[in-house]
Amino acid sequence: MDPGESSAHCAARELWEEGGFAEVLVGPVIATQHVQFTFAGMFFDQDEFIHIAKTDQTEILPPQGLEFFEAMAFKGARWWTVEEVLASTERFLPPRFQELIAHLAGEGLPEEPLDITPD
């Protein structure tokens, strides 16, 4: 997040920059996590806020603002059904994404954000 930016505004901006989604309705924070990782030789130690968002957009557009190393790591995009996500052996980010999707599909939106910090 940029200084002074809300997590909802950041989510909408990132959905445009990294996902090509022009019009989204960003909802509440449904999960949080604390992660540490290295990407492109840089160490990150961050708290993340994961929002639910809705869009009517069905066309997958190319990302609109990837940084150099993000562009190198980008492999493509497609829509997934809940069943496909849950059955997949692919690696997702956040790491506990499948667990989060299972919770949302089974129980709906949580009353309080779920902590999905990796074990």
C-alpha atoms as a PDB file:
ATOM      1  CA  MET A   1       0.000   0.000   0.000  1.00  0.00           C
ATOM      2  CA  ASP A   2       1.152   3.476  -0.701  1.00  0.00           C
ATOM      3  CA  PRO A   3       1.434   5.848   2.288  1.00  0.00           C
ATOM      4  CA  GLY A   4      -2.052   6.997   3.331  1.00  0.00           C
ATOM      5  CA  GLU A   5      -3.764   4.522   0.970  1.00  0.00           C
ATOM      6  CA  SER A   6      -6.569   2.319   2.306  1.00  0.00           C
ATOM      7  CA  SER A   7      -6.340  -1.414   1.753  1.00  0.00           C
ATOM      8  CA  ALA A   8      -9.558  -1.285  -0.332  1.00  0.00           C
ATOM      9  CA  HIS A   9      -8.131   1.384  -2.634  1.00  0.00           C
ATOM     10  CA  CYS A  10      -4.877  -0.544  -2.880  1.00  0.00           C
ATOM     11  CA  ALA A  11      -6.786  -3.725  -3.792  1.00  0.00           C
ATOM     12  CA  ALA A  12      -8.655  -1.921  -6.592  1.00  0.00           C
ATOM     13  CA  ARG A  13      -5.413  -0.407  -7.893  1.00  0.00           C
ATOM     14  CA  GLU A  14      -3.588  -3.744  -7.784  1.00  0.00           C
ATOM     15  CA  LEU A  15      -6.490  -5.498  -9.526  1.00  0.00           C
ATOM     16  CA  TRP A  16      -6.040  -3.005 -12.382  1.00  0.00           C
ATOM     17  CA  GLU A  17      -2.255  -3.061 -12.447  1.00  0.00           C
ATOM     18  CA  GLU A  18      -1.763  -6.801 -12.007  1.00  0.00           C
ATOM     19  CA  GLY A  19      -5.060  -8.221 -13.260  1.00  0.00           C
ATOM     20  CA  GLY A  20      -6.406  -5.830 -15.882  1.00  0.00           C
ATOM     21  CA  PHE A  21      -9.707  -5.371 -14.028  1.00  0.00           C
ATOM     22  CA  ALA A  22     -11.016  -1.890 -14.796  1.00  0.00           C
ATOM     23  CA  GLU A  23     -14.247  -1.934 -12.806  1.00  0.00           C
ATOM     24  CA  VAL A  24     -14.439  -3.792  -9.511  1.00  0.00           C
ATOM     25  CA  LEU A  25     -16.463  -3.432  -6.365  1.00  0.00           C
ATOM     26  CA  VAL A  26     -14.051  -4.034  -3.514  1.00  0.00           C
ATOM     27  CA  GLY A  27     -15.737  -5.448  -0.450  1.00  0.00           C
ATOM     28  CA  PRO A  28     -14.566  -6.066   3.094  1.00  0.00           C
ATOM     29  CA  VAL A  29     -11.332  -7.658   4.253  1.00  0.00           C
ATOM     30  CA  ILE A  30     -12.016 -11.392   4.473  1.00  0.00           C
ATOM     31  CA  ALA A  31      -8.528 -12.573   5.444  1.00  0.00           C
ATOM     32  CA  THR A  32      -5.168 -11.344   6.665  1.00  0.00           C
ATOM     33  CA  GLN A  33      -1.720 -12.839   6.681  1.00  0.00           C
ATOM     34  CA  HIS A  34       1.807 -11.998   7.723  1.00  0.00           C
ATOM     35  CA  VAL A  35       4.388 -13.194   5.216  1.00  0.00           C
ATOM     36  CA  GLN A  36       8.115 -13.024   4.693  1.00  0.00           C
ATOM     37  CA  PHE A  37       9.596 -13.847   1.311  1.00  0.00           C
ATOM     38  CA  THR A  38      12.296 -12.935  -1.167  1.00  0.00           C
ATOM     39  CA  PHE A  39      11.353 -11.835  -4.674  1.00  0.00           C
ATOM     40  CA  ALA A  40      13.792 -10.599  -7.302  1.00  0.00           C
ATOM     41  CA  GLY A  41      16.553 -10.523  -4.706  1.00  0.00           C
ATOM     42  CA  MET A  42      14.581  -8.286  -2.320  1.00  0.00           C
ATOM     43  CA  PHE A  43      13.346  -9.387   1.116  1.00  0.00           C
ATOM     44  CA  PHE A  44       9.738  -8.601   2.033  1.00  0.00           C
ATOM     45  CA  ASP A  45       8.195  -8.723   5.513  1.00  0.00           C
ATOM     46  CA  GLN A  46       4.595  -7.625   5.255  1.00  0.00           C
ATOM     47  CA  ASP A  47       1.096  -7.763   6.619  1.00  0.00           C
ATOM     48  CA  GLU A  48      -1.461  -8.402   3.885  1.00  0.00           C
ATOM     49  CA  PHE A  49      -5.181  -7.637   3.771  1.00  0.00           C
ATOM     50  CA  ILE A  50      -7.241  -9.783   1.423  1.00  0.00           C
ATOM     51  CA  HIS A  51     -10.540  -8.311   0.256  1.00  0.00           C
ATOM     52  CA  ILE A  52     -13.395  -9.917  -1.572  1.00  0.00           C
ATOM     53  CA  ALA A  53     -14.138  -8.143  -4.837  1.00  0.00           C
ATOM     54  CA  LYS A  54     -16.793  -8.449  -7.520  1.00  0.00           C
ATOM     55  CA  THR A  55     -16.736  -7.596 -11.192  1.00  0.00           C
ATOM     56  CA  ASP A  56     -18.937  -8.102 -14.235  1.00  0.00           C
ATOM     57  CA  GLN A  57     -15.830  -8.224 -16.400  1.00  0.00           C
ATOM     58  CA  THR A  58     -15.391 -11.611 -18.057  1.00  0.00           C
ATOM     59  CA  GLU A  59     -12.665 -10.726 -20.542  1.00  0.00           C
ATOM     60  CA  ILE A  60      -9.159 -11.389 -19.289  1.00  0.00           C
ATOM     61  CA  LEU A  61      -7.042  -8.354 -20.097  1.00  0.00           C
ATOM     62  CA  PRO A  62      -3.281  -8.206 -19.827  1.00  0.00           C
ATOM     63  CA  PRO A  63      -1.902  -6.651 -16.649  1.00  0.00           C
ATOM     64  CA  GLN A  64      -1.713  -2.879 -16.928  1.00  0.00           C
ATOM     65  CA  GLY A  65       1.198  -1.957 -14.690  1.00  0.00           C
ATOM     66  CA  LEU A  66       3.527  -4.794 -13.791  1.00  0.00           C
ATOM     67  CA  GLU A  67       6.968  -3.860 -12.579  1.00  0.00           C
ATOM     68  CA  PHE A  68       9.899  -5.412 -14.466  1.00  0.00           C
ATOM     69  CA  PHE A  69      10.372  -8.468 -12.248  1.00  0.00           C
ATOM     70  CA  GLU A  70       6.611  -8.995 -11.898  1.00  0.00           C
ATOM     71  CA  ALA A  71       6.343  -9.064 -15.685  1.00  0.00           C
ATOM     72  CA  MET A  72       9.104 -11.665 -15.863  1.00  0.00           C
ATOM     73  CA  ALA A  73       7.286 -13.865 -13.335  1.00  0.00           C
ATOM     74  CA  PHE A  74       3.823 -13.465 -14.931  1.00  0.00           C
ATOM     75  CA  LYS A  75       2.743 -16.740 -16.562  1.00  0.00           C
ATOM     76  CA  GLY A  76      -0.781 -15.868 -17.685  1.00  0.00           C
ATOM     77  CA  ALA A  77      -4.302 -15.716 -16.326  1.00  0.00           C
ATOM     78  CA  ARG A  78      -7.557 -17.601 -16.597  1.00  0.00           C
ATOM     79  CA  TRP A  79     -10.837 -17.963 -14.734  1.00  0.00           C
ATOM     80  CA  TRP A  80     -11.138 -20.906 -12.326  1.00  0.00           C
ATOM     81  CA  THR A  81     -14.238 -22.495 -10.834  1.00  0.00           C
ATOM     82  CA  VAL A  82     -14.278 -23.182  -7.109  1.00  0.00           C
ATOM     83  CA  GLU A  83     -14.149 -26.905  -7.875  1.00  0.00           C
ATOM     84  CA  GLU A  84     -11.064 -26.464 -10.093  1.00  0.00           C
ATOM     85  CA  VAL A  85      -9.254 -24.482  -7.392  1.00  0.00           C
ATOM     86  CA  LEU A  86     -10.042 -27.048  -4.710  1.00  0.00           C
ATOM     87  CA  ALA A  87      -8.976 -30.006  -6.899  1.00  0.00           C
ATOM     88  CA  SER A  88      -5.815 -28.400  -8.258  1.00  0.00           C
ATOM     89  CA  THR A  89      -2.256 -29.300  -7.346  1.00  0.00           C
ATOM     90  CA  GLU A  90      -1.057 -25.890  -8.595  1.00  0.00           C
ATOM     91  CA  ARG A  91       0.700 -23.550  -6.168  1.00  0.00           C
ATOM     92  CA  PHE A  92      -1.514 -20.589  -5.290  1.00  0.00           C
ATOM     93  CA  LEU A  93      -0.847 -17.267  -3.606  1.00  0.00           C
ATOM     94  CA  PRO A  94      -1.642 -16.733  -0.869  1.00  0.00           C
ATOM     95  CA  PRO A  95      -0.374 -20.195   0.135  1.00  0.00           C
ATOM     96  CA  ARG A  96      -3.605 -21.041   1.997  1.00  0.00           C
ATOM     97  CA  PHE A  97      -5.830 -19.836  -0.882  1.00  0.00           C
ATOM     98  CA  GLN A  98      -7.540 -23.206  -1.320  1.00  0.00           C
ATOM     99  CA  GLU A  99      -8.405 -23.280   2.379  1.00  0.00           C
ATOM    100  CA  LEU A 100      -9.845 -19.762   2.129  1.00  0.00           C
ATOM    101  CA  ILE A 101     -11.912 -20.629  -0.961  1.00  0.00           C
ATOM    102  CA  ALA A 102     -13.234 -23.779   0.746  1.00  0.00           C
ATOM    103  CA  HIS A 103     -14.316 -21.674   3.743  1.00  0.00           C
ATOM    104  CA  LEU A 104     -16.027 -19.075   1.537  1.00  0.00           C
ATOM    105  CA  ALA A 105     -17.802 -21.732  -0.545  1.00  0.00           C
ATOM    106  CA  GLY A 106     -18.967 -23.658   2.530  1.00  0.00           C
ATOM    107  CA  GLU A 107     -19.633 -20.988   5.112  1.00  0.00           C
ATOM    108  CA  GLY A 108     -19.796 -17.693   3.219  1.00  0.00           C
ATOM    109  CA  LEU A 109     -18.059 -14.500   4.238  1.00  0.00           C
ATOM    110  CA  PRO A 110     -16.508 -14.580   7.697  1.00  0.00           C
ATOM    111  CA  GLU A 111     -17.757 -12.167  10.337  1.00  0.00           C
ATOM    112  CA  GLU A 112     -14.137 -11.280  11.161  1.00  0.00           C
ATOM    113  CA  PRO A 113     -11.172 -11.621   8.776  1.00  0.00           C
ATOM    114  CA  LEU A 114      -9.585 -15.069   8.862  1.00  0.00           C
ATOM    115  CA  ASP A 115      -5.877 -15.301   9.669  1.00  0.00           C
ATOM    116  CA  ILE A 116      -4.377 -17.344   6.842  1.00  0.00           C
ATOM    117  CA  THR A 117      -0.736 -16.751   7.738  1.00  0.00           C
ATOM    118  CA  PRO A 118       1.253 -19.702   6.350  1.00  0.00           C
ATOM    119  CA  ASP A 119       2.237 -22.306   8.935  1.00  0.00           C
END
